[in-house]
C-alpha atoms as a PDB file:
ATOM      1  CA  MET A   1     -33.704   7.184 171.197  1.00  0.00           C
ATOM      2  CA  ALA A   2     -31.114   7.817 168.507  1.00  0.00           C
ATOM      3  CA  ARG A   3     -30.943   6.044 165.177  1.00  0.00           C
ATOM      4  CA  PRO A   4     -28.880   2.831 165.201  1.00  0.00           C
ATOM      5  CA  LEU A   5     -25.372   3.261 163.804  1.00  0.00           C
ATOM      6  CA  LYS A   6     -24.595   1.219 160.703  1.00  0.00           C
ATOM      7  CA  ILE A   7     -22.388   1.020 157.651  1.00  0.00           C
ATOM      8  CA  PHE A   8     -22.176   4.082 155.373  1.00  0.00           C
ATOM      9  CA  MET A   9     -23.284   6.471 158.127  1.00  0.00           C
ATOM     10  CA  ARG A  10     -21.162   9.501 159.073  1.00  0.00           C
ATOM     11  CA  GLY A  11     -20.924  11.860 161.980  1.00  0.00           C
ATOM     12  CA  LYS A  12     -19.798  12.561 165.511  1.00  0.00           C
ATOM     13  CA  ARG A  13     -21.465   9.457 166.956  1.00  0.00           C
ATOM     14  CA  ILE A  14     -19.508   7.307 164.479  1.00  0.00           C
ATOM     15  CA  THR A  15     -16.280   9.025 165.574  1.00  0.00           C
ATOM     16  CA  MET A  16     -17.170   8.264 169.205  1.00  0.00           C
ATOM     17  CA  LEU A  17     -17.913   4.602 168.328  1.00  0.00           C
ATOM     18  CA  GLN A  18     -14.600   4.306 166.490  1.00  0.00           C
ATOM     19  CA  GLU A  19     -12.720   5.732 169.468  1.00  0.00           C
ATOM     20  CA  ILE A  20     -14.399   3.193 171.789  1.00  0.00           C
ATOM     21  CA  LEU A  21     -13.457   0.359 169.426  1.00  0.00           C
ATOM     22  CA  ARG A  22      -9.897   1.685 169.081  1.00  0.00           C
ATOM     23  CA  ARG A  23      -9.510   1.745 172.893  1.00  0.00           C
ATOM     24  CA  MET A  24     -10.670  -1.892 172.932  1.00  0.00           C
ATOM     25  CA  GLY A  25      -7.832  -2.772 170.556  1.00  0.00           C
ATOM     26  CA  TYR A  26      -9.656  -2.912 167.237  1.00  0.00           C
ATOM     27  CA  PRO A  27      -7.773  -1.383 164.309  1.00  0.00           C
ATOM     28  CA  MET A  28      -9.682   1.457 162.672  1.00  0.00           C
ATOM     29  CA  LEU A  29      -8.842   1.635 158.988  1.00  0.00           C
ATOM     30  CA  ASP A  30     -11.910   3.742 158.138  1.00  0.00           C
ATOM     31  CA  GLN A  31     -11.697   7.505 157.965  1.00  0.00           C
ATOM     32  CA  ALA A  32     -12.717   9.115 161.271  1.00  0.00           C
ATOM     33  CA  GLY A  33     -16.460   9.639 161.422  1.00  0.00           C
ATOM     34  CA  GLN A  34     -17.231   7.265 158.531  1.00  0.00           C
ATOM     35  CA  PHE A  35     -18.784   3.883 159.342  1.00  0.00           C
ATOM     36  CA  GLY A  36     -16.995   1.683 156.835  1.00  0.00           C
ATOM     37  CA  ALA A  37     -16.078  -1.990 156.577  1.00  0.00           C
ATOM     38  CA  SER A  38     -13.398  -1.799 159.284  1.00  0.00           C
ATOM     39  CA  THR A  39     -15.830  -0.300 161.800  1.00  0.00           C
ATOM     40  CA  ARG A  40     -18.534  -2.795 160.843  1.00  0.00           C
ATOM     41  CA  ASP A  41     -16.170  -5.756 161.196  1.00  0.00           C
ATOM     42  CA  ALA A  42     -14.992  -4.554 164.614  1.00  0.00           C
ATOM     43  CA  VAL A  43     -18.617  -4.183 165.773  1.00  0.00           C
ATOM     44  CA  LYS A  44     -19.465  -7.678 164.502  1.00  0.00           C
ATOM     45  CA  ASP A  45     -16.443  -9.136 166.277  1.00  0.00           C
ATOM     46  CA  TYR A  46     -17.428  -7.384 169.509  1.00  0.00           C
ATOM     47  CA  GLN A  47     -20.991  -8.700 169.143  1.00  0.00           C
ATOM     48  CA  ARG A  48     -19.773 -12.274 168.556  1.00  0.00           C
ATOM     49  CA  GLN A  49     -17.407 -12.148 171.527  1.00  0.00           C
ATOM     50  CA  HIS A  50     -20.267 -11.059 173.784  1.00  0.00           C
ATOM     51  CA  ASP A  51     -22.869 -13.562 172.528  1.00  0.00           C
ATOM     52  CA  PHE A  52     -24.911 -11.057 170.531  1.00  0.00           C
ATOM     53  CA  LYS A  53     -26.175 -11.610 167.015  1.00  0.00           C
ATOM     54  CA  ALA A  54     -23.398 -10.239 164.763  1.00  0.00           C
ATOM     55  CA  THR A  55     -25.333  -7.637 162.778  1.00  0.00           C
ATOM     56  CA  GLY A  56     -22.732  -4.886 162.620  1.00  0.00           C
ATOM     57  CA  ILE A  57     -25.423  -2.435 163.759  1.00  0.00           C
ATOM     58  CA  VAL A  58     -25.014  -0.488 167.001  1.00  0.00           C
ATOM     59  CA  ASP A  59     -28.199   0.486 168.829  1.00  0.00           C
ATOM     60  CA  ASP A  60     -28.338   2.651 171.969  1.00  0.00           C
ATOM     61  CA  ALA A  61     -28.156  -0.344 174.323  1.00  0.00           C
ATOM     62  CA  LEU A  62     -25.065  -1.807 172.647  1.00  0.00           C
ATOM     63  CA  LEU A  63     -23.340   1.575 172.484  1.00  0.00           C
ATOM     64  CA  SER A  64     -24.027   2.104 176.173  1.00  0.00           C
ATOM     65  CA  LEU A  65     -22.595  -1.325 176.995  1.00  0.00           C
ATOM     66  CA  MET A  66     -19.498  -0.628 174.918  1.00  0.00           C
ATOM     67  CA  GLN A  67     -18.988   2.748 176.647  1.00  0.00           C
ATOM     68  CA  GLN A  68     -19.037   1.092 180.070  1.00  0.00           C
ATOM     69  CA  GLY A  69     -15.856  -0.805 179.255  1.00  0.00           C
ATOM     70  CA  PRO A  70     -14.681  -4.380 179.722  1.00  0.00           C
ATOM     71  CA  LEU A  71     -16.237  -5.005 183.151  1.00  0.00           C
ATOM     72  CA  ALA A  72     -19.763  -4.224 181.992  1.00  0.00           C
ATOM     73  CA  SER A  73     -19.424  -6.049 178.706  1.00  0.00           C
ATOM     74  CA  SER A  74     -18.011  -9.192 180.350  1.00  0.00           C
ATOM     75  CA  ALA A  75     -21.078  -9.366 182.609  1.00  0.00           C
ATOM     76  CA  LYS A  76     -23.110 -10.724 179.679  1.00  0.00           C
ATOM     77  CA  ALA A  77     -20.550 -13.429 178.910  1.00  0.00           C
ATOM     78  CA  LYS A  78     -20.848 -16.693 180.809  1.00  0.00           C
ATOM     79  CA  PRO A  79     -18.087 -17.134 183.422  1.00  0.00           C
ATOM     80  CA  SER A  80     -17.119 -20.535 182.052  1.00  0.00           C
ATOM     81  CA  ASP A  81     -16.693 -19.056 178.558  1.00  0.00           C
ATOM     82  CA  SER A  82     -14.249 -16.416 179.714  1.00  0.00           C
ATOM     83  CA  GLU A  83     -12.174 -18.993 181.581  1.00  0.00           C
ATOM     84  CA  THR A  84     -11.876 -21.548 178.787  1.00  0.00           C
ATOM     85  CA  ALA A  85     -12.386 -19.882 175.405  1.00  0.00           C
ATOM     86  CA  PRO A  86      -9.488 -17.821 174.069  1.00  0.00           C
ATOM     87  CA  THR A  87     -10.406 -14.512 172.465  1.00  0.00           C
ATOM     88  CA  ALA A  88      -8.924 -13.825 169.082  1.00  0.00           C
ATOM     89  CA  PRO A  89      -7.122 -10.513 168.659  1.00  0.00           C
ATOM     90  CA  PRO A  90      -8.570  -8.069 166.152  1.00  0.00           C
ATOM     91  CA  VAL A  91      -7.142  -8.493 162.676  1.00  0.00           C
ATOM     92  CA  ASN A  92      -6.251  -6.149 159.869  1.00  0.00           C
ATOM     93  CA  GLN A  93      -8.792  -7.246 157.237  1.00  0.00           C
ATOM     94  CA  ILE A  94      -6.717  -6.012 154.296  1.00  0.00           C
ATOM     95  CA  GLN A  95      -3.690  -8.037 155.401  1.00  0.00           C
ATOM     96  CA  LEU A  96      -5.848 -11.098 156.091  1.00  0.00           C
ATOM     97  CA  ASP A  97      -7.460 -10.924 152.635  1.00  0.00           C
ATOM     98  CA  ALA A  98      -4.034 -10.573 150.998  1.00  0.00           C
ATOM     99  CA  LEU A  99      -2.723 -13.578 152.923  1.00  0.00           C
ATOM    100  CA  ILE A 100      -5.684 -15.733 151.911  1.00  0.00           C
ATOM    101  CA  HIS A 101      -5.256 -14.757 148.256  1.00  0.00           C
ATOM    102  CA  LEU A 102      -1.563 -15.668 148.427  1.00  0.00           C
ATOM    103  CA  LEU A 103      -2.316 -19.068 149.981  1.00  0.00           C
ATOM    104  CA  VAL A 104      -4.820 -19.866 147.238  1.00  0.00           C
ATOM    105  CA  ASP A 105      -2.599 -18.492 144.433  1.00  0.00           C
ATOM    106  CA  LYS A 106       0.390 -20.544 145.642  1.00  0.00           C
ATOM    107  CA  GLY A 107      -1.738 -23.696 145.795  1.00  0.00           C
ATOM    108  CA  ILE A 108      -1.248 -24.126 149.540  1.00  0.00           C
ATOM    109  CA  ILE A 109      -5.016 -24.250 150.016  1.00  0.00           C
ATOM    110  CA  THR A 110      -7.800 -24.657 147.484  1.00  0.00           C
ATOM    111  CA  GLU A 111     -10.901 -22.517 147.085  1.00  0.00           C
ATOM    112  CA  GLU A 112     -12.922 -25.559 148.209  1.00  0.00           C
ATOM    113  CA  GLU A 113     -10.888 -25.928 151.426  1.00  0.00           C
ATOM    114  CA  LEU A 114     -11.255 -22.215 152.109  1.00  0.00           C
ATOM    115  CA  ASN A 115     -15.025 -22.302 151.610  1.00  0.00           C
ATOM    116  CA  LYS A 116     -15.385 -25.353 153.882  1.00  0.00           C
ATOM    117  CA  GLU A 117     -13.396 -23.580 156.597  1.00  0.00           C
ATOM    118  CA  ILE A 118     -15.526 -20.451 156.283  1.00  0.00           C
ATOM    119  CA  GLU A 119     -18.718 -22.511 156.614  1.00  0.00           C
ATOM    120  CA  ARG A 120     -17.521 -24.326 159.757  1.00  0.00           C
ATOM    121  CA  PRO A 121     -18.940 -23.006 163.036  1.00  0.00           C
ATOM    122  CA  GLN A 122     -16.591 -20.481 164.653  1.00  0.00           C
ATOM    123  CA  THR A 123     -16.254 -22.560 167.834  1.00  0.00           C
ATOM    124  CA  LEU A 124     -14.635 -25.363 165.842  1.00  0.00           C
ATOM    125  CA  ARG A 125     -12.139 -22.955 164.259  1.00  0.00           C
ATOM    126  CA  LEU A 126     -10.824 -21.870 167.659  1.00  0.00           C
ATOM    127  CA  GLN A 127      -9.767 -25.419 168.575  1.00  0.00           C
ATOM    128  CA  PRO A 128      -6.278 -26.538 167.552  1.00  0.00           C
ATOM    129  CA  PRO A 129      -6.158 -29.264 164.902  1.00  0.00           C
ATOM    130  CA  LEU A 130      -5.684 -32.853 166.061  1.00  0.00           C
ATOM    131  CA  LEU A 131      -2.354 -34.302 164.985  1.00  0.00           C
END
């Protein structure tokens, strides 16, 4: 049993994890072989999408599941979830942070509104607003 992979680690196993995430469509902004914020965020997103606790840590079982590809990883998801819930595409965290700062700086949203939105459960954020 190998050590779980987590932020600030380096090595060949991190490079392999990053390649798996890249093939799944996650942008890898971290240097190859370095488990940075981009890798951690991609792992957390993968964990959330597959009903795991979003720790950002990859143990042997999770790595094995990720290596098996989309068919194996969708087996854990409930069939009704995959039919009704849209999956959000991976985002470039740097661009997202810049956009949020611009919205706050321009007065389009307030810090209070932003914090309330962050605290809302993720399932509510995926639903379109009622007009």
